[in-house]
C-alpha atoms as a PDB file:
ATOM      1  CA  MET A   1      80.253  44.707 191.876  1.00  0.00           C
ATOM      2  CA  ARG A   2      80.309  43.458 195.521  1.00  0.00           C
ATOM      3  CA  TYR A   3      79.917  47.099 196.534  1.00  0.00           C
ATOM      4  CA  CYS A   4      76.789  47.354 194.403  1.00  0.00           C
ATOM      5  CA  GLU A   5      75.386  44.079 195.814  1.00  0.00           C
ATOM      6  CA  SER A   6      75.765  45.523 199.320  1.00  0.00           C
ATOM      7  CA  ARG A   7      74.202  48.873 198.478  1.00  0.00           C
ATOM      8  CA  VAL A   8      71.404  47.813 196.106  1.00  0.00           C
ATOM      9  CA  PRO A   9      68.719  45.410 197.363  1.00  0.00           C
ATOM     10  CA  ALA A  10      68.512  42.113 195.516  1.00  0.00           C
ATOM     11  CA  ARG A  11      64.880  42.811 194.600  1.00  0.00           C
ATOM     12  CA  ALA A  12      65.699  46.245 193.138  1.00  0.00           C
ATOM     13  CA  PRO A  13      65.140  46.728 189.372  1.00  0.00           C
ATOM     14  CA  TRP A  14      67.955  45.583 187.132  1.00  0.00           C
ATOM     15  CA  TRP A  15      68.623  49.102 185.908  1.00  0.00           C
ATOM     16  CA  ARG A  16      69.561  50.224 189.435  1.00  0.00           C
ATOM     17  CA  ARG A  17      72.228  47.560 189.681  1.00  0.00           C
ATOM     18  CA  ARG A  18      73.485  48.446 186.180  1.00  0.00           C
ATOM     19  CA  THR A  19      73.566  52.144 187.052  1.00  0.00           C
ATOM     20  CA  CYS A  20      75.644  51.436 190.165  1.00  0.00           C
ATOM     21  CA  ALA A  21      78.153  49.416 188.193  1.00  0.00           C
ATOM     22  CA  LEU A  22      78.411  52.056 185.520  1.00  0.00           C
ATOM     23  CA  SER A  23      79.080  54.794 188.076  1.00  0.00           C
ATOM     24  CA  LEU A  24      81.926  52.775 189.575  1.00  0.00           C
ATOM     25  CA  TRP A  25      83.428  52.210 186.160  1.00  0.00           C
ATOM     26  CA  LEU A  26      83.341  55.937 185.329  1.00  0.00           C
ATOM     27  CA  ALA A  27      84.877  56.835 188.664  1.00  0.00           C
ATOM     28  CA  ALA A  28      87.814  54.392 188.265  1.00  0.00           C
ATOM     29  CA  PRO A  29      91.114  55.881 187.060  1.00  0.00           C
ATOM     30  CA  LEU A  30      91.668  55.336 183.348  1.00  0.00           C
ATOM     31  CA  ALA A  31      94.540  52.944 182.710  1.00  0.00           C
ATOM     32  CA  LEU A  32      96.588  54.236 179.776  1.00  0.00           C
ATOM     33  CA  PRO A  33      99.410  52.303 178.111  1.00  0.00           C
ATOM     34  CA  ALA A  34     102.840  53.576 179.139  1.00  0.00           C
ATOM     35  CA  LEU A  35     104.659  55.572 176.500  1.00  0.00           C
ATOM     36  CA  ALA A  36     108.119  54.350 175.561  1.00  0.00           C
ATOM     37  CA  ALA A  37     110.671  57.003 176.501  1.00  0.00           C
ATOM     38  CA  SER A  38     113.208  58.062 173.924  1.00  0.00           C
ATOM     39  CA  PRO A  39     116.697  56.875 174.712  1.00  0.00           C
ATOM     40  CA  PRO A  40     118.889  59.286 176.673  1.00  0.00           C
ATOM     41  CA  VAL A  41     121.960  60.825 175.070  1.00  0.00           C
ATOM     42  CA  GLN A  42     125.503  61.790 176.043  1.00  0.00           C
ATOM     43  CA  LEU A  43     126.608  64.700 173.867  1.00  0.00           C
ATOM     44  CA  PRO A  44     130.266  64.868 172.856  1.00  0.00           C
ATOM     45  CA  PRO A  45     132.242  67.971 174.000  1.00  0.00           C
ATOM     46  CA  ALA A  46     132.869  70.858 171.615  1.00  0.00           C
ATOM     47  CA  THR A  47     135.443  69.991 168.975  1.00  0.00           C
ATOM     48  CA  THR A  48     136.678  70.533 165.445  1.00  0.00           C
ATOM     49  CA  LEU A  49     137.796  67.475 163.484  1.00  0.00           C
ATOM     50  CA  GLU A  50     139.779  67.581 160.255  1.00  0.00           C
ATOM     51  CA  TYR A  51     139.215  64.991 157.540  1.00  0.00           C
ATOM     52  CA  GLY A  52     140.586  64.037 154.189  1.00  0.00           C
ATOM     53  CA  LEU A  53     137.778  64.575 151.666  1.00  0.00           C
ATOM     54  CA  THR A  54     136.936  62.919 148.424  1.00  0.00           C
ATOM     55  CA  SER A  55     133.990  64.047 146.312  1.00  0.00           C
ATOM     56  CA  GLY A  56     133.766  62.290 142.963  1.00  0.00           C
ATOM     57  CA  VAL A  57     137.217  62.695 141.335  1.00  0.00           C
ATOM     58  CA  LEU A  58     138.205  65.573 143.646  1.00  0.00           C
ATOM     59  CA  SER A  59     140.263  65.261 146.792  1.00  0.00           C
ATOM     60  CA  GLY A  60     140.697  67.900 149.504  1.00  0.00           C
ATOM     61  CA  THR A  61     140.075  68.705 153.148  1.00  0.00           C
ATOM     62  CA  GLY A  62     136.985  68.745 155.313  1.00  0.00           C
ATOM     63  CA  TRP A  63     136.241  70.092 158.727  1.00  0.00           C
ATOM     64  CA  LEU A  64     133.457  69.161 161.176  1.00  0.00           C
ATOM     65  CA  ASP A  65     132.909  71.870 163.766  1.00  0.00           C
ATOM     66  CA  TRP A  66     130.667  70.949 166.712  1.00  0.00           C
ATOM     67  CA  GLN A  67     129.795  73.727 169.142  1.00  0.00           C
ATOM     68  CA  PRO A  68     127.198  73.114 171.913  1.00  0.00           C
ATOM     69  CA  SER A  69     126.590  75.953 174.399  1.00  0.00           C
ATOM     70  CA  GLY A  70     123.786  77.047 176.738  1.00  0.00           C
ATOM     71  CA  GLY A  71     121.229  74.491 175.578  1.00  0.00           C
ATOM     72  CA  ARG A  72     121.850  75.230 171.911  1.00  0.00           C
ATOM     73  CA  TYR A  73     124.263  74.119 169.215  1.00  0.00           C
ATOM     74  CA  THR A  74     125.791  74.914 165.873  1.00  0.00           C
ATOM     75  CA  LEU A  75     127.254  72.250 163.631  1.00  0.00           C
ATOM     76  CA  THR A  76     129.176  72.998 160.449  1.00  0.00           C
ATOM     77  CA  LEU A  77     130.650  70.692 157.825  1.00  0.00           C
ATOM     78  CA  ARG A  78     132.730  72.315 155.094  1.00  0.00           C
ATOM     79  CA  GLY A  79     135.003  70.938 152.390  1.00  0.00           C
ATOM     80  CA  THR A  80     137.521  72.413 150.007  1.00  0.00           C
ATOM     81  CA  ALA A  81     139.480  70.995 147.060  1.00  0.00           C
ATOM     82  CA  LEU A  82     141.795  72.660 144.544  1.00  0.00           C
ATOM     83  CA  GLY A  83     140.921  76.025 146.039  1.00  0.00           C
ATOM     84  CA  LEU A  84     137.209  75.446 145.526  1.00  0.00           C
ATOM     85  CA  ASN A  85     134.605  75.498 148.297  1.00  0.00           C
ATOM     86  CA  LEU A  86     132.966  72.164 147.562  1.00  0.00           C
ATOM     87  CA  LEU A  87     130.339  72.320 150.246  1.00  0.00           C
ATOM     88  CA  ARG A  88     129.217  74.047 153.403  1.00  0.00           C
ATOM     89  CA  TRP A  89     126.464  72.524 155.484  1.00  0.00           C
ATOM     90  CA  THR A  90     125.224  74.144 158.641  1.00  0.00           C
ATOM     91  CA  SER A  91     122.767  72.810 161.233  1.00  0.00           C
ATOM     92  CA  SER A  92     121.599  74.811 164.233  1.00  0.00           C
ATOM     93  CA  GLY A  93     119.008  74.401 166.947  1.00  0.00           C
ATOM     94  CA  ALA A  94     118.335  73.400 170.532  1.00  0.00           C
ATOM     95  CA  LEU A  95     119.530  70.585 172.827  1.00  0.00           C
ATOM     96  CA  ASP A  96     117.334  68.535 175.123  1.00  0.00           C
ATOM     97  CA  ALA A  97     117.439  65.283 177.091  1.00  0.00           C
ATOM     98  CA  HIS A  98     117.069  63.321 173.848  1.00  0.00           C
ATOM     99  CA  GLY A  99     119.781  65.082 171.845  1.00  0.00           C
ATOM    100  CA  LEU A 100     119.833  67.517 168.977  1.00  0.00           C
ATOM    101  CA  VAL A 101     116.636  69.391 168.059  1.00  0.00           C
ATOM    102  CA  PRO A 102     117.480  70.980 164.661  1.00  0.00           C
ATOM    103  CA  GLU A 103     115.688  74.203 163.727  1.00  0.00           C
ATOM    104  CA  GLN A 104     117.546  75.236 160.560  1.00  0.00           C
ATOM    105  CA  PHE A 105     119.662  73.403 158.032  1.00  0.00           C
ATOM    106  CA  SER A 106     121.477  75.063 155.071  1.00  0.00           C
ATOM    107  CA  ASP A 107     123.232  73.383 152.149  1.00  0.00           C
ATOM    108  CA  ARG A 108     125.679  75.228 149.865  1.00  0.00           C
ATOM    109  CA  ARG A 109     127.751  73.467 147.197  1.00  0.00           C
ATOM    110  CA  LEU A 110     130.346  74.965 144.905  1.00  0.00           C
ATOM    111  CA  THR A 111     128.961  78.271 143.460  1.00  0.00           C
ATOM    112  CA  GLN A 112     125.298  77.393 144.066  1.00  0.00           C
ATOM    113  CA  PRO A 113     123.274  79.583 146.448  1.00  0.00           C
ATOM    114  CA  ASP A 114     122.111  78.291 149.799  1.00  0.00           C
ATOM    115  CA  ARG A 115     119.214  75.926 150.075  1.00  0.00           C
ATOM    116  CA  ARG A 116     117.519  75.931 153.462  1.00  0.00           C
ATOM    117  CA  ALA A 117     115.192  73.899 155.601  1.00  0.00           C
ATOM    118  CA  GLU A 118     113.415  75.444 158.589  1.00  0.00           C
ATOM    119  CA  ILE A 119     112.016  72.872 161.006  1.00  0.00           C
ATOM    120  CA  ASP A 120     109.041  74.570 162.697  1.00  0.00           C
ATOM    121  CA  ARG A 121     108.060  72.181 165.459  1.00  0.00           C
ATOM    122  CA  PRO A 122     105.204  74.273 166.969  1.00  0.00           C
ATOM    123  CA  ALA A 123     103.599  74.474 163.502  1.00  0.00           C
ATOM    124  CA  GLY A 124     104.425  70.836 162.684  1.00  0.00           C
ATOM    125  CA  VAL A 125     105.970  71.587 159.285  1.00  0.00           C
ATOM    126  CA  VAL A 126     109.334  71.852 157.552  1.00  0.00           C
ATOM    127  CA  ARG A 127     109.660  74.876 155.266  1.00  0.00           C
ATOM    128  CA  TYR A 128     112.084  74.760 152.336  1.00  0.00           C
ATOM    129  CA  SER A 129     113.596  77.558 150.300  1.00  0.00           C
ATOM    130  CA  GLY A 130     116.027  77.344 147.395  1.00  0.00           C
ATOM    131  CA  TYR A 131     116.892  78.595 143.942  1.00  0.00           C
ATOM    132  CA  LYS A 132     114.996  75.733 142.288  1.00  0.00           C
ATOM    133  CA  PRO A 133     111.144  75.863 142.402  1.00  0.00           C
ATOM    134  CA  ASP A 134     110.839  72.189 143.207  1.00  0.00           C
ATOM    135  CA  HIS A 135     113.119  72.613 146.273  1.00  0.00           C
ATOM    136  CA  ALA A 136     110.738  75.094 147.862  1.00  0.00           C
ATOM    137  CA  GLY A 137     107.497  74.544 149.796  1.00  0.00           C
ATOM    138  CA  GLU A 138     106.511  72.599 152.902  1.00  0.00           C
ATOM    139  CA  LEU A 139     106.329  69.088 154.208  1.00  0.00           C
ATOM    140  CA  PRO A 140     104.735  67.791 157.427  1.00  0.00           C
ATOM    141  CA  LEU A 141     107.108  67.327 160.348  1.00  0.00           C
ATOM    142  CA  ASP A 142     107.675  63.661 161.141  1.00  0.00           C
ATOM    143  CA  GLY A 143     108.558  62.972 164.775  1.00  0.00           C
ATOM    144  CA  GLU A 144     112.017  63.670 166.215  1.00  0.00           C
ATOM    145  CA  MET A 145     113.442  64.879 162.910  1.00  0.00           C
ATOM    146  CA  GLN A 146     117.159  65.312 162.255  1.00  0.00           C
ATOM    147  CA  ASP A 147     118.813  66.872 159.215  1.00  0.00           C
ATOM    148  CA  ARG A 148     121.491  65.665 156.829  1.00  0.00           C
ATOM    149  CA  LEU A 149     124.170  66.962 159.138  1.00  0.00           C
ATOM    150  CA  SER A 150     122.834  66.680 162.643  1.00  0.00           C
ATOM    151  CA  TRP A 151     122.594  62.882 162.459  1.00  0.00           C
ATOM    152  CA  MET A 152     126.397  62.807 162.461  1.00  0.00           C
ATOM    153  CA  VAL A 153     126.292  63.920 166.137  1.00  0.00           C
ATOM    154  CA  GLN A 154     122.932  62.464 167.134  1.00  0.00           C
ATOM    155  CA  LEU A 155     124.112  58.916 166.418  1.00  0.00           C
ATOM    156  CA  PRO A 156     127.290  59.284 168.515  1.00  0.00           C
ATOM    157  CA  ALA A 157     125.249  60.803 171.372  1.00  0.00           C
ATOM    158  CA  LEU A 158     122.891  57.821 171.399  1.00  0.00           C
ATOM    159  CA  LEU A 159     125.634  55.232 171.299  1.00  0.00           C
ATOM    160  CA  ALA A 160     127.651  56.980 174.017  1.00  0.00           C
ATOM    161  CA  ALA A 161     124.741  56.874 176.470  1.00  0.00           C
ATOM    162  CA  ASN A 162     123.317  53.468 175.511  1.00  0.00           C
ATOM    163  CA  PRO A 163     125.869  50.616 175.411  1.00  0.00           C
ATOM    164  CA  ALA A 164     123.210  48.157 174.232  1.00  0.00           C
ATOM    165  CA  LEU A 165     122.834  50.101 170.992  1.00  0.00           C
ATOM    166  CA  ARG A 166     126.454  49.333 170.132  1.00  0.00           C
ATOM    167  CA  GLU A 167     125.769  45.627 169.570  1.00  0.00           C
ATOM    168  CA  ALA A 168     125.656  44.237 166.051  1.00  0.00           C
ATOM    169  CA  GLY A 169     122.150  44.096 164.682  1.00  0.00           C
ATOM    170  CA  GLN A 170     120.762  47.008 166.683  1.00  0.00           C
ATOM    171  CA  ARG A 171     118.649  49.491 164.756  1.00  0.00           C
ATOM    172  CA  ILE A 172     118.336  53.234 165.288  1.00  0.00           C
ATOM    173  CA  SER A 173     115.626  55.089 163.397  1.00  0.00           C
ATOM    174  CA  PHE A 174     114.612  58.741 162.964  1.00  0.00           C
ATOM    175  CA  SER A 175     113.446  61.069 160.211  1.00  0.00           C
ATOM    176  CA  VAL A 176     116.025  63.034 158.289  1.00  0.00           C
ATOM    177  CA  THR A 177     115.468  66.092 156.070  1.00  0.00           C
ATOM    178  CA  GLY A 178     117.711  67.731 153.546  1.00  0.00           C
ATOM    179  CA  ALA A 179     117.327  71.188 152.040  1.00  0.00           C
ATOM    180  CA  ARG A 180     115.790  70.132 148.759  1.00  0.00           C
ATOM    181  CA  ARG A 181     112.239  69.471 149.946  1.00  0.00           C
ATOM    182  CA  ASP A 182     113.229  65.928 150.861  1.00  0.00           C
ATOM    183  CA  ALA A 183     112.521  64.021 154.033  1.00  0.00           C
ATOM    184  CA  ASP A 184     112.808  60.290 154.672  1.00  0.00           C
ATOM    185  CA  ARG A 185     112.958  57.803 157.474  1.00  0.00           C
ATOM    186  CA  TRP A 186     116.562  56.732 158.057  1.00  0.00           C
ATOM    187  CA  THR A 187     117.183  53.475 159.895  1.00  0.00           C
ATOM    188  CA  PHE A 188     120.805  52.781 160.806  1.00  0.00           C
ATOM    189  CA  VAL A 189     121.845  49.177 161.441  1.00  0.00           C
ATOM    190  CA  VAL A 190     124.908  48.481 163.615  1.00  0.00           C
ATOM    191  CA  LYS A 191     127.061  46.152 161.572  1.00  0.00           C
ATOM    192  CA  GLY A 192     129.709  45.562 164.247  1.00  0.00           C
ATOM    193  CA  ARG A 193     133.349  46.507 164.853  1.00  0.00           C
ATOM    194  CA  GLN A 194     135.651  47.545 162.046  1.00  0.00           C
ATOM    195  CA  GLU A 195     139.160  48.910 161.920  1.00  0.00           C
ATOM    196  CA  VAL A 196     139.549  52.071 159.875  1.00  0.00           C
ATOM    197  CA  ALA A 197     143.002  52.695 158.328  1.00  0.00           C
ATOM    198  CA  LEU A 198     143.989  56.344 158.393  1.00  0.00           C
ATOM    199  CA  ALA A 199     146.271  57.951 155.795  1.00  0.00           C
ATOM    200  CA  ASP A 200     149.239  57.902 158.235  1.00  0.00           C
ATOM    201  CA  GLY A 201     148.944  54.146 158.780  1.00  0.00           C
ATOM    202  CA  ARG A 202     147.204  54.217 162.120  1.00  0.00           C
ATOM    203  CA  ALA A 203     144.290  51.823 162.647  1.00  0.00           C
ATOM    204  CA  VAL A 204     141.236  52.986 164.625  1.00  0.00           C
ATOM    205  CA  ASP A 205     138.781  50.521 166.144  1.00  0.00           C
ATOM    206  CA  SER A 206     135.306  51.812 165.298  1.00  0.00           C
ATOM    207  CA  ILE A 207     131.624  50.843 165.323  1.00  0.00           C
ATOM    208  CA  TYR A 208     130.287  50.667 161.792  1.00  0.00           C
ATOM    209  CA  LEU A 209     126.719  51.647 161.011  1.00  0.00           C
ATOM    210  CA  MET A 210     124.943  51.714 157.669  1.00  0.00           C
ATOM    211  CA  ARG A 211     121.551  53.015 156.651  1.00  0.00           C
ATOM    212  CA  ALA A 212     119.116  50.276 155.664  1.00  0.00           C
ATOM    213  CA  ASN A 213     117.778  51.475 152.317  1.00  0.00           C
ATOM    214  CA  ASP A 214     114.152  50.808 151.474  1.00  0.00           C
ATOM    215  CA  ALA A 215     114.050  51.939 147.848  1.00  0.00           C
ATOM    216  CA  PRO A 216     116.413  52.275 144.864  1.00  0.00           C
ATOM    217  CA  GLY A 217     117.994  55.698 144.781  1.00  0.00           C
ATOM    218  CA  ASP A 218     117.905  56.224 148.540  1.00  0.00           C
ATOM    219  CA  THR A 219     120.970  58.007 149.971  1.00  0.00           C
ATOM    220  CA  VAL A 220     123.382  55.448 151.386  1.00  0.00           C
ATOM    221  CA  ALA A 221     124.698  56.808 154.668  1.00  0.00           C
ATOM    222  CA  GLU A 222     127.583  55.056 156.464  1.00  0.00           C
ATOM    223  CA  ALA A 223     129.459  56.042 159.617  1.00  0.00           C
ATOM    224  CA  TRP A 224     132.418  54.581 161.475  1.00  0.00           C
ATOM    225  CA  LEU A 225     132.141  55.881 165.039  1.00  0.00           C
ATOM    226  CA  ASP A 226     135.191  56.131 167.327  1.00  0.00           C
ATOM    227  CA  PRO A 227     134.614  55.416 171.032  1.00  0.00           C
ATOM    228  CA  ALA A 228     137.843  57.239 171.922  1.00  0.00           C
ATOM    229  CA  ARG A 229     136.467  60.495 170.401  1.00  0.00           C
ATOM    230  CA  GLY A 230     133.042  60.490 172.026  1.00  0.00           C
ATOM    231  CA  PHE A 231     131.794  58.226 169.202  1.00  0.00           C
ATOM    232  CA  LEU A 232     132.175  61.055 166.642  1.00  0.00           C
ATOM    233  CA  PRO A 233     132.824  59.683 163.172  1.00  0.00           C
ATOM    234  CA  VAL A 234     136.375  58.736 162.234  1.00  0.00           C
ATOM    235  CA  ARG A 235     134.922  58.156 158.785  1.00  0.00           C
ATOM    236  CA  ALA A 236     131.591  59.084 157.171  1.00  0.00           C
ATOM    237  CA  ARG A 237     130.322  58.407 153.634  1.00  0.00           C
ATOM    238  CA  LEU A 238     127.222  59.589 151.808  1.00  0.00           C
ATOM    239  CA  THR A 239     126.333  58.144 148.434  1.00  0.00           C
ATOM    240  CA  SER A 240     123.367  59.660 146.638  1.00  0.00           C
ATOM    241  CA  GLY A 241     121.620  58.132 143.687  1.00  0.00           C
ATOM    242  CA  ASP A 242     124.543  56.332 142.153  1.00  0.00           C
ATOM    243  CA  LYS A 243     128.173  55.665 143.243  1.00  0.00           C
ATOM    244  CA  ASN A 244     129.404  58.614 141.160  1.00  0.00           C
ATOM    245  CA  ASP A 245     127.746  61.022 143.625  1.00  0.00           C
ATOM    246  CA  ARG A 246     129.676  60.196 146.724  1.00  0.00           C
ATOM    247  CA  ILE A 247     131.227  62.286 149.561  1.00  0.00           C
ATOM    248  CA  ASP A 248     133.724  60.462 151.775  1.00  0.00           C
ATOM    249  CA  PHE A 249     135.399  61.910 154.919  1.00  0.00           C
ATOM    250  CA  LEU A 250     138.357  60.132 156.576  1.00  0.00           C
ATOM    251  CA  LEU A 251     139.896  61.540 159.772  1.00  0.00           C
ATOM    252  CA  ARG A 252     143.373  62.996 159.560  1.00  0.00           C
END
């Protein structure tokens, strides 16, 4: 305004002073609020981990195969019991500064055909295909979406790069989609340190996280992350609907 007072005579009409002030305001740089950057990540190296698997009343073996290469990744979780292929989940996509960017997720269980989710970020949608009509269709893409397998590496990558996130009470939130036309916001709460007893008697010091459920019937997701293994899970457990539909992996 002092500039306008020096340039516009005091006896000039009021509208000239107002026009001068308005021109200065329009010429000033627009101050925008700073956007919060997503936390950085530290991806674990390629590895295959073997687990003891329990699914309902069945017990068997599970493998988590993590393969990052050339800015992309494939992640596979498979489980067998009594000669049966209990499940095979596959997640694939790109890698960036903020971690895994899933593009496709497939879910196969026992003799059922594949169900798939295609995360189309340019179009802003998730497309679903499956053998059941209510599993097909589209849903809008919600932010930095993970899938029901990729979160098992995304969480370790976040904790490895951000020590503050390892403290009890910290919360980590992102959207998660399955392959049954389902997508929800998953918020993991760090519960603190816990020892995990392996089948051979060894005890592993881990960081225990649990999904904070908002509604009855939400999938309960739990992970015990091992700092000595790049924070990959020494144990992981998914409970859907009721406690009878539970998949539990314990490192061998």
